[in-house]
């Protein structure tokens, strides 16, 4: 796509999002030391506080940074007002901390944190919808962005209701609201955003060509229908719609995995760099999470579902975001710091900006930690889980160090 360079947001804006996200990621991994895995299957305050810190602080912050950079590419238009992103970052950071503290110890802070996060998300959605409005004709990828943002908005409305129900200010069906919130934000927004963005980025970084994208479209439609059915079932209390929605979401993700397989088969780049390692790790973990989710519906064991969630968060989301950090951040730094010097003096290659040994160490420690954590969860061994977290923590430290090294790279 021929995108004007003036469409690119300022480097300091995007880098501030990535720095905030990585700090939240590092803190989230450190907090795993405080987990009692015997309580993992319960909705304990520690689990709820950690999940929101990880998802809002790390995952959503990373996605917002990526959308600031990629939205013009997907839509082929300039941002309506990129300056609005300067407000989103601090509000989301403050709101996330308040929600974390609210779930952890001070429930009254949930309402305040929820409202602040809602405002930050609303500003992001406001800017995104007005940017989409500038598109003369929606294509498939821009349609996925539009639908994902609708799910996010509805999920935020439900989240505000949840925060007031949790503090006792309102009286609604907590379980129905929780399930609707999870599917609107976790599956609807996050799921669709990841499959659409990875469809752009993975073929670009792997140099994949001439593959059929019909399976991505099927995945998008099935996931969207599944989310609508699950949420609708909570309004009218009909189990058939709920379970049919579950099936649609599962089939949608299976089609997405098959689409990734086709992209892998047609890739030109053969080098197994750090990006390749993290992507393969993420996809295998995603498959494992889906399998565990299926076992949950067979045995109806909440612990299995909790392990599936752990695999999805730590084994899929972290690696797939980390993989793209090792590609996106070097490009942003190079474009900001060295592009104007091309033809005037020797400039580094993108590959020169990534510390190979350090990134491989980080990957190795994180992978070992993840595998050990699965063994610990299988045997409910708290001691082994703490040992696993030690490896995850070292891996997270290397990732944090590497990204800061790239951001400060001078050549």
Protein backbone atom coordinates (compact mmCIF):
# COMPACT_ATOMS: atom_id res chain seq x y z
CA UNK A 1 0.00 0.00 0.00
CA UNK A 2 1.34 3.41 -0.94
CA UNK A 3 0.98 5.36 2.30
CA UNK A 4 2.37 8.88 2.61
CA UNK A 5 5.10 9.28 5.24
CA UNK A 6 3.13 12.16 6.75
CA UNK A 7 0.53 9.61 7.91
CA UNK A 8 3.04 8.08 10.33
CA UNK A 9 2.49 9.22 13.96
CA UNK A 10 5.37 10.81 15.92
CA UNK A 11 7.87 8.30 17.25
CA UNK A 12 7.68 9.64 20.82
CA UNK A 13 3.93 8.98 20.85
CA UNK A 14 4.11 5.34 19.80
CA UNK A 15 7.22 4.63 21.90
CA UNK A 16 5.48 5.96 25.03
CA UNK A 17 2.71 3.37 24.56
CA UNK A 18 5.22 0.55 24.08
CA UNK A 19 7.24 1.62 27.13
CA UNK A 20 4.11 1.73 29.32
CA UNK A 21 3.00 -1.65 27.95
CA UNK A 22 6.33 -3.33 28.65
CA UNK A 23 6.54 -1.95 32.18
CA UNK A 24 3.05 -3.35 32.85
CA UNK A 25 4.10 -6.66 31.31
CA UNK A 26 7.18 -6.88 33.53
CA UNK A 27 5.16 -6.02 36.66
CA UNK A 28 2.47 -8.57 35.67
CA UNK A 29 5.02 -11.38 35.38
CA UNK A 30 6.58 -10.37 38.71
CA UNK A 31 3.15 -10.51 40.38
CA UNK A 32 2.83 -14.17 39.38
CA UNK A 33 5.15 -14.91 42.32
CA UNK A 34 2.23 -13.99 44.61
CA UNK A 35 -0.17 -16.48 43.00
CA UNK A 36 -1.58 -19.43 44.86
CA UNK A 37 -2.31 -21.85 42.02
CA UNK A 38 -4.87 -23.72 44.12
CA UNK A 39 -7.03 -20.59 43.77
CA UNK A 40 -6.41 -20.20 40.04
CA UNK A 41 -9.78 -21.68 39.09
CA UNK A 42 -11.65 -19.27 41.36
CA UNK A 43 -12.48 -15.64 40.66
CA UNK A 44 -10.23 -14.50 43.52
CA UNK A 45 -9.46 -10.81 43.84
CA UNK A 46 -5.79 -11.45 43.06
CA UNK A 47 -6.62 -13.28 39.82
CA UNK A 48 -9.10 -10.61 38.70
CA UNK A 49 -6.70 -7.77 39.53
CA UNK A 50 -3.82 -9.48 37.69
CA UNK A 51 -5.89 -10.27 34.59
CA UNK A 52 -7.00 -6.64 34.26
CA UNK A 53 -3.49 -5.31 34.82
CA UNK A 54 -2.13 -7.64 32.17
CA UNK A 55 -4.89 -7.13 29.61
CA UNK A 56 -5.39 -3.38 30.02
CA UNK A 57 -1.82 -2.41 30.83
CA UNK A 58 0.10 -4.69 28.49
CA UNK A 59 -2.19 -6.10 25.79
CA UNK A 60 -4.48 -3.13 25.14
CA UNK A 61 -1.64 -0.61 25.46
CA UNK A 62 0.34 -2.58 22.86
CA UNK A 63 -2.68 -2.81 20.54
CA UNK A 64 -3.37 0.93 20.82
CA UNK A 65 0.26 1.67 19.91
CA UNK A 66 0.04 -0.67 16.93
CA UNK A 67 -3.28 0.80 15.81
CA UNK A 68 -1.81 4.32 15.94
CA UNK A 69 0.84 3.10 13.49
CA UNK A 70 -1.20 0.66 11.39
CA UNK A 71 -4.64 2.26 11.13
CA UNK A 72 -3.57 4.52 8.22
CA UNK A 73 -2.11 1.47 6.47
CA UNK A 74 -5.27 -0.60 6.90
CA UNK A 75 -7.66 2.22 5.99
CA UNK A 76 -5.38 4.06 3.53
CA UNK A 77 -6.33 7.42 5.07
CA UNK A 78 -4.73 9.82 7.54
CA UNK A 79 -5.70 9.78 11.23
CA UNK A 80 -8.56 12.12 12.11
CA UNK A 81 -6.47 13.50 15.00
CA UNK A 82 -3.38 11.58 16.09
CA UNK A 83 -2.91 14.05 18.97
CA UNK A 84 -5.83 12.42 20.80
CA UNK A 85 -3.55 9.43 21.44
CA UNK A 86 -1.49 11.64 23.79
CA UNK A 87 -4.48 11.66 26.14
CA UNK A 88 -5.24 7.95 25.83
CA UNK A 89 -1.91 6.74 27.21
CA UNK A 90 -1.88 8.46 30.64
CA UNK A 91 -5.60 7.92 31.19
CA UNK A 92 -5.35 4.21 30.41
CA UNK A 93 -2.28 3.87 32.63
CA UNK A 94 -3.95 5.59 35.62
CA UNK A 95 -7.26 3.78 35.11
CA UNK A 96 -5.52 0.40 34.90
CA UNK A 97 -3.67 1.00 38.18
CA UNK A 98 -6.91 2.02 39.92
CA UNK A 99 -8.76 -1.06 38.63
CA UNK A 100 -5.89 -3.27 39.77
CA UNK A 101 -5.98 -1.75 43.26
CA UNK A 102 -9.78 -1.93 43.26
CA UNK A 103 -9.89 -5.66 42.62
CA UNK A 104 -6.91 -6.32 44.87
CA UNK A 105 -7.88 -4.42 48.03
CA UNK A 106 -9.99 -1.28 47.59
CA UNK A 107 -13.29 -2.03 45.75
CA UNK A 108 -14.38 1.61 45.81
CA UNK A 109 -11.55 2.40 43.34
CA UNK A 110 -13.13 0.10 40.72
CA UNK A 111 -15.76 2.65 39.74
CA UNK A 112 -13.20 5.46 39.44
CA UNK A 113 -10.76 3.29 37.51
CA UNK A 114 -13.53 1.97 35.30
CA UNK A 115 -14.69 5.47 34.38
CA UNK A 116 -11.14 6.63 33.60
CA UNK A 117 -10.46 3.57 31.43
CA UNK A 118 -13.83 4.09 29.75
CA UNK A 119 -12.86 7.68 28.90
CA UNK A 120 -9.49 6.59 27.48
CA UNK A 121 -11.13 3.87 25.40
CA UNK A 122 -13.89 6.22 24.30
CA UNK A 123 -11.31 8.74 23.04
CA UNK A 124 -9.53 5.95 21.17
CA UNK A 125 -12.82 4.76 19.65
CA UNK A 126 -13.90 8.32 18.85
CA UNK A 127 -10.68 8.90 16.92
CA UNK A 128 -10.87 5.50 15.23
CA UNK A 129 -14.49 5.88 14.08
CA UNK A 130 -13.84 9.38 12.70
CA UNK A 131 -10.79 8.02 10.89
CA UNK A 132 -12.88 5.18 9.46
CA UNK A 133 -15.48 7.75 8.38
CA UNK A 134 -12.87 9.26 6.03
CA UNK A 135 -12.69 5.98 4.08
CA UNK A 136 -14.63 6.24 0.82
CA UNK A 137 -15.25 2.51 0.53
CA UNK A 138 -14.67 -0.09 3.24
CA UNK A 139 -12.61 -3.13 2.25
CA UNK A 140 -12.50 -6.36 4.22
CA UNK A 141 -9.71 -5.38 6.61
CA UNK A 142 -11.20 -1.97 7.36
CA UNK A 143 -14.52 -3.73 8.01
CA UNK A 144 -12.83 -5.94 10.60
CA UNK A 145 -11.48 -2.84 12.35
CA UNK A 146 -14.95 -1.27 12.34
CA UNK A 147 -16.70 -4.37 13.74
CA UNK A 148 -13.96 -4.94 16.35
CA UNK A 149 -14.34 -1.36 17.60
CA UNK A 150 -18.12 -1.80 17.91
CA UNK A 151 -17.53 -4.86 20.08
CA UNK A 152 -15.05 -2.87 22.17
CA UNK A 153 -17.54 -0.06 22.73
CA UNK A 154 -20.29 -2.49 23.82
CA UNK A 155 -17.79 -4.30 26.03
CA UNK A 156 -16.89 -1.03 27.73
CA UNK A 157 -20.54 -0.28 28.47
CA UNK A 158 -20.88 -3.71 30.09
CA UNK A 159 -17.61 -3.13 31.99
CA UNK A 160 -18.96 0.08 33.54
CA UNK A 161 -22.08 -1.80 34.66
CA UNK A 162 -19.86 -4.54 36.10
CA UNK A 163 -17.77 -2.08 38.11
CA UNK A 164 -20.93 -0.65 39.74
CA UNK A 165 -22.41 -4.11 40.35
CA UNK A 166 -19.14 -5.27 41.93
CA UNK A 167 -19.15 -2.31 44.35
CA UNK A 168 -22.84 -2.84 45.19
CA UNK A 169 -24.11 0.34 43.55
CA UNK A 170 -26.21 -1.60 41.00
CA UNK A 171 -27.98 -4.96 41.05
CA UNK A 172 -27.67 -6.98 37.84
CA UNK A 173 -26.88 -10.60 36.97
CA UNK A 174 -23.12 -10.55 37.59
CA UNK A 175 -22.46 -13.84 35.77
CA UNK A 176 -24.34 -12.76 32.62
CA UNK A 177 -22.55 -9.39 32.55
CA UNK A 178 -19.18 -11.07 33.08
CA UNK A 179 -19.67 -13.52 30.21
CA UNK A 180 -20.89 -10.74 27.91
CA UNK A 181 -17.91 -8.56 28.84
CA UNK A 182 -15.43 -11.37 28.20
CA UNK A 183 -16.87 -12.22 24.79
CA UNK A 184 -17.29 -8.63 23.61
CA UNK A 185 -13.80 -7.48 24.59
CA UNK A 186 -11.73 -10.65 24.88
CA UNK A 187 -13.12 -12.53 21.87
CA UNK A 188 -14.85 -9.85 19.82
CA UNK A 189 -12.40 -6.97 19.95
CA UNK A 190 -9.14 -8.67 20.88
CA UNK A 191 -9.72 -11.78 18.76
CA UNK A 192 -10.76 -9.95 15.60
CA UNK A 193 -8.03 -7.31 15.99
CA UNK A 194 -5.32 -9.94 16.38
CA UNK A 195 -6.40 -12.01 13.38
CA UNK A 196 -6.75 -8.96 11.12
CA UNK A 197 -3.47 -7.33 12.20
CA UNK A 198 -1.53 -10.59 12.06
CA UNK A 199 -2.92 -11.12 8.57
CA UNK A 200 -1.19 -7.88 7.58
CA UNK A 201 2.01 -8.22 9.59
CA UNK A 202 2.93 -11.92 9.44
CA UNK A 203 2.85 -12.15 5.60
CA UNK A 204 4.82 -8.89 5.44
CA UNK A 205 7.56 -10.05 7.79
CA UNK A 206 7.65 -13.57 6.33
CA UNK A 207 7.41 -12.34 2.72
CA UNK A 208 4.45 -14.65 2.04
CA UNK A 209 2.66 -14.34 -1.30
CA UNK A 210 -0.16 -15.87 -3.34
CA UNK A 211 -2.17 -17.49 -0.55
CA UNK A 212 -5.95 -17.70 -0.40
CA UNK A 213 -7.40 -15.41 2.29
CA UNK A 214 -10.91 -16.90 2.21
CA UNK A 215 -10.29 -18.69 5.52
CA UNK A 216 -9.53 -15.42 7.28
CA UNK A 217 -12.88 -14.05 6.07
CA UNK A 218 -14.69 -17.16 7.29
CA UNK A 219 -12.92 -16.82 10.66
CA UNK A 220 -14.01 -13.19 10.95
CA UNK A 221 -17.68 -13.93 10.16
CA UNK A 222 -17.88 -16.95 12.47
CA UNK A 223 -16.23 -15.18 15.41
CA UNK A 224 -18.48 -12.14 14.94
CA UNK A 225 -21.63 -14.29 14.78
CA UNK A 226 -20.47 -16.33 17.78
CA UNK A 227 -19.93 -13.24 19.94
CA UNK A 228 -23.35 -11.83 19.02
CA UNK A 229 -25.03 -15.17 19.83
CA UNK A 230 -23.32 -15.52 23.22
CA UNK A 231 -24.19 -11.97 24.28
CA UNK A 232 -27.75 -12.31 22.94
CA UNK A 233 -28.18 -15.55 24.91
CA UNK A 234 -27.44 -13.64 28.13
CA UNK A 235 -30.26 -11.21 27.38
CA UNK A 236 -32.94 -13.81 26.63
CA UNK A 237 -31.49 -16.71 28.68
CA UNK A 238 -31.60 -19.38 25.94
CA UNK A 239 -28.75 -21.88 26.29
CA UNK A 240 -28.95 -23.04 22.66
CA UNK A 241 -27.76 -19.68 21.36
CA UNK A 242 -24.93 -19.62 23.89
CA UNK A 243 -23.53 -23.02 22.98
CA UNK A 244 -24.01 -22.42 19.27
CA UNK A 245 -22.07 -19.17 19.75
CA UNK A 246 -19.28 -21.11 21.50
CA UNK A 247 -19.11 -23.47 18.52
CA UNK A 248 -18.99 -20.61 16.01
CA UNK A 249 -16.11 -18.95 17.87
CA UNK A 250 -14.19 -22.23 18.07
CA UNK A 251 -14.65 -22.89 14.34
CA UNK A 252 -13.63 -19.30 13.58
CA UNK A 253 -10.34 -19.69 15.43
CA UNK A 254 -9.70 -23.04 13.72
CA UNK A 255 -10.10 -21.35 10.33
CA UNK A 256 -7.72 -18.61 11.51
CA UNK A 257 -5.08 -21.21 12.44
CA UNK A 258 -5.47 -22.82 9.02
CA UNK A 259 -5.01 -19.40 7.42
CA UNK A 260 -1.75 -19.01 9.34
CA UNK A 261 -0.68 -22.43 8.07
CA UNK A 262 -1.25 -21.31 4.47
CA UNK A 263 0.76 -18.14 5.12
CA UNK A 264 3.55 -20.27 6.60
CA UNK A 265 3.57 -22.58 3.56
CA UNK A 266 3.99 -19.69 1.12
CA UNK A 267 6.61 -17.73 3.07
CA UNK A 268 9.78 -16.78 1.20
CA UNK A 269 11.89 -15.83 4.22
CA UNK A 270 13.57 -18.99 5.51
CA UNK A 271 15.54 -17.42 8.35
CA UNK A 272 14.40 -18.66 11.76
CA UNK A 273 14.94 -15.37 13.60
CA UNK A 274 13.48 -14.30 16.93
CA UNK A 275 10.24 -13.26 15.21
CA UNK A 276 9.82 -16.75 13.73
CA UNK A 277 10.48 -18.42 17.11
CA UNK A 278 7.93 -16.34 18.99
CA UNK A 279 5.25 -16.72 16.30
CA UNK A 280 5.60 -20.52 16.24
CA UNK A 281 5.53 -20.55 20.06
CA UNK A 282 2.38 -18.39 20.05
CA UNK A 283 0.48 -20.48 17.49
CA UNK A 284 1.27 -23.78 19.25
CA UNK A 285 0.10 -22.27 22.54
CA UNK A 286 -3.07 -21.00 20.89
CA UNK A 287 -3.86 -24.49 19.58
CA UNK A 288 -3.25 -25.90 23.08
CA UNK A 289 -5.58 -23.30 24.61
CA UNK A 290 -8.34 -24.24 22.16
CA UNK A 291 -7.90 -27.95 22.93
CA UNK A 292 -8.09 -27.29 26.68
CA UNK A 293 -11.22 -25.19 26.14
CA UNK A 294 -12.83 -28.15 24.36
CA UNK A 295 -11.92 -30.42 27.29
CA UNK A 296 -13.60 -27.96 29.61
CA UNK A 297 -16.93 -28.43 27.84
CA UNK A 298 -16.51 -32.20 28.11
CA UNK A 299 -15.57 -32.34 31.82
CA UNK A 300 -17.05 -28.97 32.97
CA UNK A 301 -14.00 -28.48 35.18
CA UNK A 302 -13.28 -24.82 35.98
CA UNK A 303 -9.61 -25.59 36.63
CA UNK A 304 -9.17 -26.75 33.02
CA UNK A 305 -10.71 -23.50 31.80
CA UNK A 306 -8.37 -21.50 34.04
CA UNK A 307 -5.35 -23.33 32.64
CA UNK A 308 -6.63 -22.66 29.11
CA UNK A 309 -6.85 -18.98 30.00
CA UNK A 310 -3.32 -19.03 31.40
CA UNK A 311 -2.03 -20.66 28.21
CA UNK A 312 -3.82 -18.08 26.08
CA UNK A 313 -2.53 -15.11 28.08
CA UNK A 314 1.04 -16.18 28.81
CA UNK A 315 1.62 -18.62 25.94
CA UNK A 316 -0.16 -16.83 23.08
CA UNK A 317 -0.67 -13.12 23.73
CA UNK A 318 2.76 -12.43 25.23
CA UNK A 319 4.74 -14.19 22.47
CA UNK A 320 2.71 -12.79 19.56
CA UNK A 321 3.02 -9.24 20.91
CA UNK A 322 6.71 -9.72 21.71
CA UNK A 323 7.38 -11.08 18.22
CA UNK A 324 5.99 -7.93 16.64
CA UNK A 325 7.81 -5.66 19.09
CA UNK A 326 11.08 -7.10 17.77
CA UNK A 327 9.98 -6.10 14.25
CA UNK A 328 7.95 -2.92 14.69
CA UNK A 329 10.13 -1.06 17.21
CA UNK A 330 13.37 -1.37 15.16
CA UNK A 331 11.54 -0.08 12.08
CA UNK A 332 10.08 2.89 13.99
CA UNK A 333 13.47 3.78 15.47
CA UNK A 334 15.21 3.39 12.11
CA UNK A 335 12.62 5.53 10.33
CA UNK A 336 12.77 8.20 13.03
CA UNK A 337 16.54 8.28 13.51
CA UNK A 338 18.23 7.08 10.33
CA UNK A 339 15.91 7.41 7.31
CA UNK A 340 16.99 11.01 6.66
CA UNK A 341 20.64 9.89 6.62
CA UNK A 342 20.25 7.39 3.76
CA UNK A 343 22.62 8.34 0.95
CA UNK A 344 24.56 10.71 3.20
CA UNK A 345 26.30 8.28 5.53
CA UNK A 346 26.33 4.62 6.48
CA UNK A 347 23.17 3.63 8.33
CA UNK A 348 22.46 0.40 10.23
CA UNK A 349 20.27 -2.36 8.87
CA UNK A 350 17.12 -3.25 10.80
CA UNK A 351 18.65 -6.61 11.77
CA UNK A 352 21.63 -4.78 13.31
CA UNK A 353 19.34 -3.11 15.81
CA UNK A 354 18.11 -6.35 17.42
CA UNK A 355 20.47 -7.89 20.03
CA UNK A 356 20.45 -11.48 18.76
CA UNK A 357 22.04 -13.27 21.73
CA UNK A 358 20.01 -11.35 24.29
CA UNK A 359 16.73 -11.93 22.44
CA UNK A 360 17.49 -15.65 22.15
CA UNK A 361 18.26 -15.81 25.89
CA UNK A 362 14.98 -14.10 26.63
CA UNK A 363 13.07 -16.50 24.40
CA UNK A 364 14.76 -19.52 25.96
CA UNK A 365 14.05 -18.48 29.54
CA UNK A 366 10.45 -17.53 28.73
CA UNK A 367 9.82 -20.83 26.91
CA UNK A 368 11.29 -22.89 29.75
CA UNK A 369 9.24 -20.93 32.26
CA UNK A 370 6.06 -21.49 30.29
CA UNK A 371 6.64 -25.25 29.95
CA UNK A 372 7.48 -25.57 33.65
CA UNK A 373 4.36 -23.60 34.57
CA UNK A 374 2.22 -26.06 32.59
CA UNK A 375 3.81 -28.97 34.46
CA UNK A 376 3.22 -27.15 37.76
CA UNK A 377 -0.44 -26.49 36.88
CA UNK A 378 -0.89 -30.12 35.83
CA UNK A 379 0.33 -31.42 39.19
CA UNK A 380 -0.88 -28.41 41.24
CA UNK A 381 2.64 -27.83 42.52
CA UNK A 382 3.00 -24.35 43.96
CA UNK A 383 6.77 -24.70 44.46
CA UNK A 384 7.31 -25.74 40.83
CA UNK A 385 5.07 -22.87 39.70
CA UNK A 386 7.23 -20.35 41.58
CA UNK A 387 10.30 -21.87 39.90
CA UNK A 388 8.58 -21.53 36.51
CA UNK A 389 7.76 -17.88 37.22
CA UNK A 390 11.46 -17.29 37.95
CA UNK A 391 12.26 -18.30 34.35
CA UNK A 392 9.34 -16.23 33.00
CA UNK A 393 10.59 -13.26 35.01
CA UNK A 394 14.11 -13.51 33.57
CA UNK A 395 12.66 -13.88 30.07
CA UNK A 396 10.49 -10.79 30.62
CA UNK A 397 13.54 -8.88 31.85
CA UNK A 398 15.44 -9.69 28.64
CA UNK A 399 12.47 -8.60 26.53
CA UNK A 400 12.20 -5.32 28.44
CA UNK A 401 15.95 -4.74 28.19
CA UNK A 402 16.03 -5.51 24.45
CA UNK A 403 13.21 -3.11 23.57
CA UNK A 404 14.80 -0.31 25.59
CA UNK A 405 18.10 -1.05 23.84
CA UNK A 406 16.40 -0.76 20.45
CA UNK A 407 14.58 2.44 21.39
CA UNK A 408 17.88 4.03 22.47
CA UNK A 409 19.89 2.60 19.54
CA UNK A 410 22.23 5.25 18.13
CA UNK A 411 24.11 3.17 15.56
